[in-house]
Amino acid sequence: MHEGQRTEISTLGEFGLIKHLTQGIKLQNPETVYGVGDDAAVMNFSNKQVLMTTDLLMEGVHFDLVYTPLKHLGYKAAMVNFSDIYAMNGTPKQITVSLAISKRFCVEDLEDFYEGLKLACQLHHVDIVGGDTTSSVTGMAISITCIGEADKGQIVYRNGAQDTDLICVSGDLGAAYMGLQLLEREKAVFKGEKDVQPDFAGKEYLLERILKPEARKDIIENLAQAGIKPTAMMDVSDGLSSELMHICSQSNTGCRIYEERIPIDYQTAVMAEEFNMNLSTCALNGGEDYELLFTVPLTAHETISELKDVKIIGHITKPELGCALVTRDGNELELKAQGWNPLKE
């Protein structure tokens, strides 16, 4: 939260606040005819198909402001929406941003939030075209809607995986979850103490993965450049196991993934050992990595193998074979969706 000078939000009012936060936003996309400043934004997508996704983040459920800087939160709130559009093989173009805020937030806090939001939008060439603000009695709530586009024949759904397809994943898995465990541990250790600075040396990557995730635009571009259209795709927000089971269930298939092939960063492994946690369980069920999980035809094996930061971790099977993890010693364990479930008690 903002230290030093505080401008109370009430001094600006709702419209004044929106104007203050959105002034100077330059439109980057020709599809955005008119952005912030009227009753609705105006867009023109001519002959493209339009993609829409929305995400709601609640303080105390999705983020903790004890250890989440507001600038990082703005950045992450935008990225998780871009990730959903990339997971459809599309391009994000516009977002609307709605905030509910309590009296403990000041104008400077929201400036920090918008700074992160604008940075994410600049990096991915996305326009902020509208939104809303209202008061809250339970802390902060963030709702972002992202609009994207794709050529009609290029959209990739979850339901297109076929028997013998290769299962691929970008980046590495489990790092965001271990970053969260680390932050929660330090929060518990230093509870109630002021001006404490925990030592995170050597663990920066884990913190970056949870606080500042990156949507994998690069993977979508590399696949297009290689002439590969995935048969099914999802982003890994709730955990690899859970997402893979979504793809299999919607495609009516089974799958086999191999424990030894799951990409895991060194820092993730060290942290799992420190917490005495099973590393593969963390990588399978951690969530919030925002990597891309996708399937491609077997014929694309050679091309996929040469793609930077993509690993083949298994293959799609007939549905009667079920979904399983093949362990390092050759045993088969049934995959379970143990990833994050926001509606579970």
Protein backbone atom coordinates (compact mmCIF):
# COMPACT_ATOMS: atom_id res chain seq x y z
CA MET A 1 0.00 0.00 0.00
CA HIS A 2 1.12 3.53 -0.70
CA GLU A 3 3.31 5.21 1.89
CA GLY A 4 3.81 8.98 2.09
CA GLN A 5 1.46 11.35 0.28
CA ARG A 6 -2.11 10.06 0.03
CA THR A 7 -4.80 11.54 -2.17
CA GLU A 8 -8.20 10.33 -0.97
CA ILE A 9 -10.28 8.88 -3.81
CA SER A 10 -13.33 10.88 -2.67
CA THR A 11 -11.55 14.10 -3.73
CA LEU A 12 -11.76 12.99 -7.38
CA GLY A 13 -15.10 11.16 -7.49
CA GLU A 14 -15.78 8.20 -9.79
CA PHE A 15 -15.53 9.97 -13.16
CA GLY A 16 -12.59 12.08 -12.01
CA LEU A 17 -10.79 8.92 -10.88
CA ILE A 18 -11.36 7.09 -14.19
CA LYS A 19 -10.24 10.17 -16.12
CA HIS A 20 -7.15 10.49 -13.92
CA LEU A 21 -6.16 6.83 -14.34
CA THR A 22 -6.84 6.61 -18.08
CA GLN A 23 -5.61 9.99 -19.31
CA GLY A 24 -2.85 9.77 -21.88
CA ILE A 25 -3.73 6.21 -22.94
CA LYS A 26 -2.78 5.97 -26.62
CA LEU A 27 -4.66 3.47 -28.76
CA GLN A 28 -2.40 0.88 -30.41
CA ASN A 29 -4.82 -1.13 -32.57
CA PRO A 30 -6.67 -0.07 -35.73
CA GLU A 31 -9.56 -2.31 -34.56
CA THR A 32 -10.12 0.11 -31.65
CA VAL A 33 -12.22 2.88 -33.18
CA TYR A 34 -12.94 4.63 -29.87
CA GLY A 35 -11.70 3.81 -26.37
CA VAL A 36 -12.30 5.35 -22.94
CA GLY A 37 -14.51 8.43 -22.66
CA ASP A 38 -18.03 7.61 -23.86
CA ASP A 39 -20.86 5.28 -22.84
CA ALA A 40 -19.23 2.38 -24.66
CA ALA A 41 -16.06 1.62 -26.61
CA VAL A 42 -16.28 1.15 -30.38
CA MET A 43 -14.43 -1.63 -32.19
CA ASN A 44 -14.31 -2.89 -35.74
CA PHE A 45 -13.02 -6.39 -36.44
CA SER A 46 -14.24 -6.67 -40.07
CA ASN A 47 -13.93 -10.36 -41.07
CA LYS A 48 -12.10 -11.75 -38.01
CA GLN A 49 -13.70 -13.86 -35.30
CA VAL A 50 -13.92 -12.12 -31.93
CA LEU A 51 -12.79 -13.83 -28.72
CA MET A 52 -13.88 -12.69 -25.27
CA THR A 53 -12.78 -13.74 -21.80
CA THR A 54 -13.29 -12.33 -18.33
CA ASP A 55 -11.53 -12.83 -15.03
CA LEU A 56 -12.48 -11.85 -11.48
CA LEU A 57 -9.77 -11.49 -8.81
CA MET A 58 -10.78 -11.09 -5.15
CA GLU A 59 -8.54 -9.88 -2.36
CA GLY A 60 -8.04 -12.64 0.20
CA VAL A 61 -8.90 -15.33 -2.35
CA HIS A 62 -6.71 -14.66 -5.40
CA PHE A 63 -4.18 -12.23 -3.99
CA ASP A 64 -2.80 -11.01 -0.67
CA LEU A 65 -1.70 -7.38 -0.48
CA VAL A 66 0.63 -8.16 2.44
CA TYR A 67 3.17 -9.38 -0.13
CA THR A 68 1.72 -8.38 -3.53
CA PRO A 69 2.80 -4.92 -4.77
CA LEU A 70 -0.09 -3.17 -6.54
CA LYS A 71 2.00 -2.58 -9.67
CA HIS A 72 2.63 -6.35 -9.91
CA LEU A 73 -1.06 -7.00 -9.29
CA GLY A 74 -2.07 -4.74 -12.21
CA TYR A 75 0.43 -6.50 -14.46
CA LYS A 76 -0.75 -9.97 -13.43
CA ALA A 77 -4.46 -9.08 -13.73
CA ALA A 78 -3.90 -8.15 -17.38
CA MET A 79 -1.59 -11.11 -18.16
CA VAL A 80 -3.98 -13.80 -16.92
CA ASN A 81 -6.58 -12.50 -19.38
CA PHE A 82 -4.14 -12.28 -22.30
CA SER A 83 -3.18 -15.87 -21.52
CA ASP A 84 -6.77 -17.05 -22.08
CA ILE A 85 -6.84 -15.42 -25.52
CA TYR A 86 -3.48 -16.96 -26.49
CA ALA A 87 -4.82 -20.33 -25.31
CA MET A 88 -7.43 -20.03 -28.09
CA ASN A 89 -4.61 -19.27 -30.58
CA GLY A 90 -5.84 -15.68 -30.77
CA THR A 91 -4.41 -12.19 -30.27
CA PRO A 92 -5.60 -9.98 -27.38
CA LYS A 93 -6.60 -6.50 -28.56
CA GLN A 94 -8.61 -4.66 -25.89
CA ILE A 95 -9.43 -4.85 -22.17
CA THR A 96 -11.98 -3.24 -19.88
CA VAL A 97 -11.02 -2.86 -16.22
CA SER A 98 -13.50 -2.75 -13.32
CA LEU A 99 -12.38 -2.17 -9.73
CA ALA A 100 -14.14 -2.32 -6.38
CA ILE A 101 -12.08 -0.57 -3.69
CA SER A 102 -12.42 0.14 0.01
CA LYS A 103 -11.49 3.37 1.81
CA ARG A 104 -8.00 2.16 2.71
CA PHE A 105 -6.92 2.67 -0.91
CA CYS A 106 -5.83 6.08 -2.13
CA VAL A 107 -5.36 7.54 -5.62
CA GLU A 108 -1.61 6.75 -5.52
CA ASP A 109 -2.38 3.05 -4.86
CA LEU A 110 -4.53 2.92 -7.98
CA GLU A 111 -1.88 4.76 -9.98
CA ASP A 112 0.53 1.94 -9.04
CA PHE A 113 -2.04 -0.67 -10.10
CA TYR A 114 -2.61 1.08 -13.44
CA GLU A 115 1.13 1.42 -14.02
CA GLY A 116 1.42 -2.39 -14.00
CA LEU A 117 -1.70 -2.75 -16.11
CA LYS A 118 -0.42 -0.28 -18.73
CA LEU A 119 2.99 -1.96 -18.85
CA ALA A 120 1.40 -5.36 -19.60
CA CYS A 121 -0.79 -3.73 -22.28
CA GLN A 122 2.18 -1.99 -23.92
CA LEU A 123 4.14 -5.25 -24.08
CA HIS A 124 1.25 -7.10 -25.74
CA HIS A 125 -0.11 -4.17 -27.81
CA VAL A 126 -3.49 -4.17 -26.07
CA ASP A 127 -5.77 -1.13 -25.64
CA ILE A 128 -7.52 -0.24 -22.37
CA VAL A 129 -10.95 0.81 -23.67
CA GLY A 130 -13.17 1.17 -20.59
CA GLY A 131 -14.17 -0.04 -17.17
CA ASP A 132 -15.89 0.92 -13.95
CA THR A 133 -15.05 1.70 -10.34
CA THR A 134 -17.20 1.25 -7.27
CA SER A 135 -16.79 1.11 -3.51
CA SER A 136 -16.29 -2.09 -1.56
CA VAL A 137 -16.60 -3.01 2.11
CA THR A 138 -14.55 -6.22 1.80
CA GLY A 139 -11.29 -5.05 0.23
CA MET A 140 -10.35 -5.01 -3.44
CA ALA A 141 -11.99 -6.79 -6.36
CA ILE A 142 -10.70 -6.66 -9.93
CA SER A 143 -12.71 -7.70 -12.96
CA ILE A 144 -11.05 -7.58 -16.38
CA THR A 145 -12.65 -8.48 -19.68
CA CYS A 146 -10.33 -9.07 -22.62
CA ILE A 147 -11.35 -8.99 -26.26
CA GLY A 148 -9.21 -10.68 -28.88
CA GLU A 149 -9.35 -11.77 -32.49
CA ALA A 150 -8.37 -14.72 -34.66
CA ASP A 151 -8.81 -15.83 -38.25
CA LYS A 152 -11.81 -18.13 -38.50
CA GLY A 153 -9.81 -21.27 -39.26
CA GLN A 154 -7.11 -20.63 -36.66
CA ILE A 155 -9.04 -20.80 -33.36
CA VAL A 156 -8.00 -23.77 -31.19
CA TYR A 157 -10.52 -25.28 -28.76
CA ARG A 158 -10.06 -27.76 -25.92
CA ASN A 159 -12.00 -30.48 -27.70
CA GLY A 160 -9.82 -31.27 -30.72
CA ALA A 161 -7.23 -33.71 -29.33
CA GLN A 162 -6.98 -37.01 -31.23
CA ASP A 163 -5.59 -40.45 -30.35
CA THR A 164 -1.75 -40.52 -30.86
CA ASP A 165 -1.42 -36.70 -30.68
CA LEU A 166 1.64 -35.49 -28.78
CA ILE A 167 1.07 -33.57 -25.52
CA CYS A 168 3.29 -30.49 -25.21
CA VAL A 169 3.83 -27.84 -22.58
CA SER A 170 5.73 -24.55 -22.64
CA GLY A 171 8.21 -23.33 -20.02
CA ASP A 172 8.37 -25.11 -16.66
CA LEU A 173 5.79 -26.05 -14.05
CA GLY A 174 5.33 -25.74 -10.28
CA ALA A 175 7.41 -22.57 -9.86
CA ALA A 176 4.48 -20.23 -9.16
CA TYR A 177 3.11 -22.62 -6.55
CA MET A 178 6.47 -22.83 -4.78
CA GLY A 179 6.73 -19.02 -4.91
CA LEU A 180 3.35 -18.81 -3.19
CA GLN A 181 4.43 -21.31 -0.50
CA LEU A 182 7.55 -19.23 0.13
CA LEU A 183 5.59 -15.96 0.46
CA GLU A 184 3.01 -17.55 2.77
CA ARG A 185 5.76 -18.98 4.97
CA GLU A 186 7.53 -15.62 5.31
CA LYS A 187 4.21 -13.89 6.00
CA ALA A 188 3.53 -16.32 8.86
CA VAL A 189 7.07 -15.97 10.26
CA PHE A 190 7.00 -12.16 10.32
CA LYS A 191 3.33 -11.72 11.24
CA GLY A 192 2.73 -8.43 13.08
CA GLU A 193 6.29 -7.15 12.67
CA LYS A 194 6.78 -3.87 10.83
CA ASP A 195 9.51 -3.03 8.29
CA VAL A 196 10.76 -6.59 8.06
CA GLN A 197 12.58 -7.56 4.86
CA PRO A 198 12.69 -11.36 4.35
CA ASP A 199 15.75 -12.72 2.54
CA PHE A 200 14.67 -14.06 -0.85
CA ALA A 201 18.18 -14.30 -2.35
CA GLY A 202 18.43 -17.16 -4.83
CA LYS A 203 14.64 -17.55 -4.99
CA GLU A 204 13.86 -14.59 -7.27
CA TYR A 205 12.58 -16.77 -10.12
CA LEU A 206 9.91 -18.36 -7.91
CA LEU A 207 8.68 -14.96 -6.71
CA GLU A 208 8.60 -13.61 -10.25
CA ARG A 209 6.51 -16.59 -11.38
CA ILE A 210 3.79 -15.97 -8.77
CA LEU A 211 3.86 -12.16 -8.68
CA LYS A 212 4.63 -11.33 -12.32
CA PRO A 213 3.55 -14.15 -14.67
CA GLU A 214 4.07 -13.80 -18.41
CA ALA A 215 1.43 -14.78 -21.00
CA ARG A 216 3.11 -16.92 -23.67
CA LYS A 217 2.62 -14.79 -26.79
CA ASP A 218 6.05 -16.01 -27.97
CA ILE A 219 4.90 -19.65 -28.10
CA ILE A 220 1.83 -18.77 -30.19
CA GLU A 221 4.04 -16.80 -32.61
CA ASN A 222 6.62 -19.61 -32.82
CA LEU A 223 3.93 -22.22 -33.53
CA ALA A 224 2.46 -20.04 -36.30
CA GLN A 225 5.93 -19.49 -37.76
CA ALA A 226 6.58 -23.24 -37.74
CA GLY A 227 3.25 -23.81 -39.51
CA ILE A 228 1.77 -25.78 -36.60
CA LYS A 229 -1.84 -25.38 -35.48
CA PRO A 230 -2.41 -27.31 -32.22
CA THR A 231 -5.36 -29.71 -32.17
CA ALA A 232 -6.32 -28.64 -28.60
CA MET A 233 -4.95 -26.04 -26.20
CA MET A 234 -5.39 -24.54 -22.69
CA ASP A 235 -3.36 -22.34 -20.41
CA VAL A 236 -2.13 -23.84 -17.14
CA SER A 237 -3.89 -21.77 -14.50
CA ASP A 238 -5.29 -24.47 -12.16
CA GLY A 239 -2.54 -27.10 -12.59
CA LEU A 240 -1.31 -29.38 -15.40
CA SER A 241 -3.26 -32.42 -14.19
CA SER A 242 -6.56 -30.54 -14.04
CA GLU A 243 -6.09 -28.84 -17.46
CA LEU A 244 -5.06 -32.06 -19.18
CA MET A 245 -8.15 -33.81 -17.83
CA HIS A 246 -10.29 -30.96 -19.24
CA ILE A 247 -8.76 -31.51 -22.69
CA CYS A 248 -9.24 -35.30 -22.49
CA SER A 249 -12.79 -35.05 -21.22
CA GLN A 250 -13.84 -32.52 -23.89
CA SER A 251 -11.97 -34.39 -26.66
CA ASN A 252 -13.25 -37.80 -25.42
CA THR A 253 -9.75 -39.27 -25.16
CA GLY A 254 -7.31 -40.63 -22.57
CA CYS A 255 -3.66 -39.66 -22.08
CA ARG A 256 -0.25 -40.79 -20.87
CA ILE A 257 2.25 -38.28 -19.54
CA TYR A 258 5.73 -39.18 -18.29
CA GLU A 259 6.96 -37.96 -14.93
CA GLU A 260 10.56 -37.66 -16.11
CA ARG A 261 9.53 -35.37 -18.97
CA ILE A 262 7.67 -32.75 -16.92
CA PRO A 263 9.78 -29.57 -17.15
CA ILE A 264 10.77 -28.30 -13.68
CA ASP A 265 13.13 -25.45 -12.81
CA TYR A 266 16.05 -26.03 -10.43
CA GLN A 267 14.77 -23.43 -7.90
CA THR A 268 11.40 -25.22 -7.82
CA ALA A 269 13.12 -28.52 -6.99
CA VAL A 270 15.24 -26.95 -4.22
CA MET A 271 12.18 -25.26 -2.68
CA ALA A 272 10.07 -28.45 -2.79
CA GLU A 273 12.85 -30.27 -0.94
CA GLU A 274 13.02 -27.47 1.65
CA PHE A 275 9.26 -27.76 2.22
CA ASN A 276 9.46 -31.57 2.17
CA MET A 277 6.92 -31.67 -0.68
CA ASN A 278 6.71 -34.16 -3.55
CA LEU A 279 8.16 -32.32 -6.56
CA SER A 280 6.02 -34.04 -9.19
CA THR A 281 2.85 -33.32 -7.18
CA CYS A 282 3.78 -29.61 -7.09
CA ALA A 283 4.41 -29.55 -10.86
CA LEU A 284 1.19 -31.46 -11.66
CA ASN A 285 -1.16 -29.56 -9.36
CA GLY A 286 0.45 -26.20 -8.56
CA GLY A 287 -1.36 -23.89 -10.95
CA GLU A 288 -0.83 -20.20 -11.79
CA ASP A 289 2.09 -20.96 -14.12
CA TYR A 290 0.16 -19.60 -17.16
CA GLU A 291 2.13 -21.85 -19.48
CA LEU A 292 0.45 -23.29 -22.57
CA LEU A 293 -0.58 -26.95 -22.68
CA PHE A 294 -1.39 -28.16 -26.19
CA THR A 295 -1.62 -31.22 -28.42
CA VAL A 296 -0.25 -31.62 -31.95
CA PRO A 297 -0.40 -34.45 -34.51
CA LEU A 298 2.34 -37.08 -34.28
CA THR A 299 3.58 -35.95 -37.70
CA ALA A 300 4.68 -32.63 -36.13
CA HIS A 301 7.16 -34.41 -33.81
CA GLU A 302 10.33 -33.23 -35.54
CA THR A 303 9.18 -29.60 -35.86
CA ILE A 304 7.94 -29.43 -32.25
CA SER A 305 11.20 -30.93 -30.96
CA GLU A 306 13.09 -27.98 -32.44
CA LEU A 307 10.81 -25.30 -30.90
CA LYS A 308 12.39 -23.22 -28.15
CA ASP A 309 10.96 -23.66 -24.64
CA VAL A 310 8.47 -26.41 -25.59
CA LYS A 311 8.63 -29.95 -24.19
CA ILE A 312 6.79 -33.08 -25.33
CA ILE A 313 5.55 -34.72 -22.13
CA GLY A 314 3.31 -37.53 -23.39
CA HIS A 315 0.62 -38.54 -25.86
CA ILE A 316 -3.15 -38.79 -26.25
CA THR A 317 -4.70 -42.28 -26.12
CA LYS A 318 -8.09 -43.90 -26.67
CA PRO A 319 -10.62 -42.91 -23.97
CA GLU A 320 -10.89 -46.42 -22.46
CA LEU A 321 -7.22 -46.23 -21.41
CA GLY A 322 -7.99 -43.33 -19.06
CA CYS A 323 -5.66 -40.52 -17.96
CA ALA A 324 -2.43 -41.59 -16.30
CA LEU A 325 1.01 -40.46 -15.20
CA VAL A 326 3.82 -42.92 -15.98
CA THR A 327 6.23 -42.64 -13.05
CA ARG A 328 10.04 -42.79 -13.28
CA ASP A 329 9.96 -46.49 -12.32
CA GLY A 330 7.37 -47.34 -14.99
CA ASN A 331 4.21 -47.51 -12.83
CA GLU A 332 0.98 -45.90 -14.00
CA LEU A 333 -0.88 -43.59 -11.61
CA GLU A 334 -4.34 -42.32 -12.42
CA LEU A 335 -4.29 -38.54 -12.93
CA LYS A 336 -6.40 -36.61 -10.44
CA ALA A 337 -7.50 -32.99 -10.72
CA GLN A 338 -6.03 -31.77 -7.45
CA GLY A 339 -5.37 -28.29 -8.77
CA TRP A 340 -6.88 -25.14 -7.33
CA ASN A 341 -10.67 -25.13 -7.07
CA PRO A 342 -11.97 -21.67 -6.12
CA LEU A 343 -15.37 -23.00 -5.03
CA LYS A 344 -14.07 -25.69 -2.69
CA GLU A 345 -14.40 -25.05 1.04
